[in-house]
Amino acid sequence: MKKYVLSFAISMLPHWALAASAEGSCPGQTTANIPEYNISAGTVFTALKPGGGDPSGDPTSYEYRDAEGHRLFLPANKVRLVTCQVQKHPRSGPFDAGYSLVFTPEK
């Protein structure tokens, strides 16, 4: 029984880690190279946040902080969100992207 519980916990760890990520952030994966940051297609990011948005609230970029604390703005058209979706909302100020990232559990 202990072996089963430990095996289950280990298999669920990545899902729990994603669910426990900071509110408003989500995982994503690049669908194309991003040469400005030397990022290859297929790179996985664990904590994307809203970056920039157009006037209608559609994402133009997602923000990611690298290990050194630099803010990278990844083009939204080159990133696929994983277990997340965009939820548009009215802008609350000049630095509000006009959207939030909302966790959606895998089915």
Protein backbone atom coordinates (compact mmCIF):
# COMPACT_ATOMS: atom_id res chain seq x y z
CA MET A 1 0.00 0.00 0.00
CA LYS A 2 2.80 2.44 0.87
CA LYS A 3 4.39 1.74 -2.51
CA TYR A 4 1.12 2.60 -4.27
CA VAL A 5 0.66 5.86 -2.34
CA LEU A 6 4.27 6.91 -2.99
CA SER A 7 3.96 6.06 -6.68
CA PHE A 8 0.73 8.06 -6.94
CA ALA A 9 2.26 11.06 -5.14
CA ILE A 10 5.30 11.06 -7.42
CA SER A 11 3.14 10.90 -10.55
CA MET A 12 0.94 13.77 -9.34
CA LEU A 13 3.79 16.07 -8.26
CA PRO A 14 4.09 17.97 -11.57
CA HIS A 15 0.33 18.59 -11.64
CA TRP A 16 0.29 19.84 -8.05
CA ALA A 17 3.27 22.10 -8.77
CA LEU A 18 1.48 23.67 -11.74
CA ALA A 19 -1.71 24.15 -9.75
CA ALA A 20 0.25 25.73 -6.91
CA SER A 21 2.03 28.23 -9.16
CA ALA A 22 1.39 31.87 -8.42
CA GLU A 23 -2.12 33.05 -9.18
CA GLY A 24 -2.28 34.71 -12.56
CA SER A 25 0.65 32.73 -13.94
CA CYS A 26 0.67 29.55 -15.95
CA PRO A 27 2.88 27.17 -17.88
CA GLY A 28 3.50 27.52 -21.59
CA GLN A 29 5.65 26.20 -24.40
CA THR A 30 7.20 28.04 -27.31
CA THR A 31 5.90 27.01 -30.73
CA ALA A 32 8.68 28.78 -32.66
CA ASN A 33 12.19 30.10 -32.05
CA ILE A 34 12.43 33.49 -30.32
CA PRO A 35 15.82 34.78 -31.55
CA GLU A 36 15.70 38.01 -29.51
CA TYR A 37 16.18 35.91 -26.35
CA ASN A 38 17.95 32.91 -27.95
CA ILE A 39 14.99 30.66 -27.05
CA SER A 40 14.33 27.53 -29.11
CA ALA A 41 10.95 26.20 -30.17
CA GLY A 42 9.66 23.67 -27.64
CA THR A 43 11.08 25.46 -24.58
CA VAL A 44 8.80 25.05 -21.56
CA PHE A 45 8.14 27.93 -19.16
CA THR A 46 6.47 27.30 -15.81
CA ALA A 47 5.33 30.75 -14.75
CA LEU A 48 4.11 32.99 -17.55
CA LYS A 49 2.21 36.13 -16.60
CA PRO A 50 0.25 38.67 -18.62
CA GLY A 51 2.66 40.87 -20.58
CA GLY A 52 1.16 43.12 -23.19
CA GLY A 53 -2.27 43.27 -24.75
CA ASP A 54 -3.88 45.02 -27.66
CA PRO A 55 -6.79 47.47 -27.14
CA SER A 56 -9.34 44.63 -27.30
CA GLY A 57 -7.54 42.65 -24.56
CA ASP A 58 -5.96 40.00 -26.79
CA PRO A 59 -2.46 39.03 -25.63
CA THR A 60 0.48 40.39 -27.60
CA SER A 61 3.10 39.04 -25.17
CA TYR A 62 3.53 36.99 -22.00
CA GLU A 63 5.99 37.99 -19.29
CA TYR A 64 8.54 35.57 -17.89
CA ARG A 65 11.26 36.22 -15.30
CA ASP A 66 14.44 34.26 -15.93
CA ALA A 67 16.77 32.89 -13.24
CA GLU A 68 18.63 36.22 -13.06
CA GLY A 69 15.38 38.15 -12.57
CA HIS A 70 15.27 39.67 -16.07
CA ARG A 71 11.80 40.31 -17.44
CA LEU A 72 11.36 38.67 -20.84
CA PHE A 73 8.35 39.55 -22.96
CA LEU A 74 7.64 36.53 -25.16
CA PRO A 75 5.47 37.10 -28.26
CA ALA A 76 2.04 35.58 -27.63
CA ASN A 77 1.86 34.24 -31.19
CA LYS A 78 4.92 32.05 -30.46
CA VAL A 79 3.71 30.59 -27.15
CA ARG A 80 1.09 27.92 -26.46
CA LEU A 81 -0.47 28.08 -23.00
CA VAL A 82 -0.72 24.78 -21.10
CA THR A 83 -3.56 24.21 -18.60
CA CYS A 84 -4.42 27.90 -18.84
CA GLN A 85 -6.65 30.18 -20.81
CA VAL A 86 -6.89 33.90 -21.44
CA GLN A 87 -9.70 35.74 -19.70
CA LYS A 88 -10.28 39.27 -20.98
CA HIS A 89 -11.30 42.06 -18.62
CA PRO A 90 -11.57 45.86 -18.74
CA ARG A 91 -8.22 47.57 -18.24
CA SER A 92 -7.76 49.02 -14.77
CA GLY A 93 -4.81 51.24 -15.65
CA PRO A 94 -2.02 51.93 -18.14
CA PHE A 95 -0.01 48.84 -17.12
CA ASP A 96 -2.94 46.41 -17.18
CA ALA A 97 -2.71 44.09 -20.21
CA GLY A 98 -6.50 43.74 -20.43
CA TYR A 99 -6.43 40.01 -19.75
CA SER A 100 -5.68 37.50 -17.01
CA LEU A 101 -4.33 33.96 -17.21
CA VAL A 102 -6.69 31.46 -15.58
CA PHE A 103 -5.77 27.90 -14.62
CA THR A 104 -7.85 25.23 -16.36
CA PRO A 105 -7.33 21.65 -15.14
CA GLU A 106 -6.40 18.98 -17.67
CA LYS A 107 -9.13 16.54 -18.63
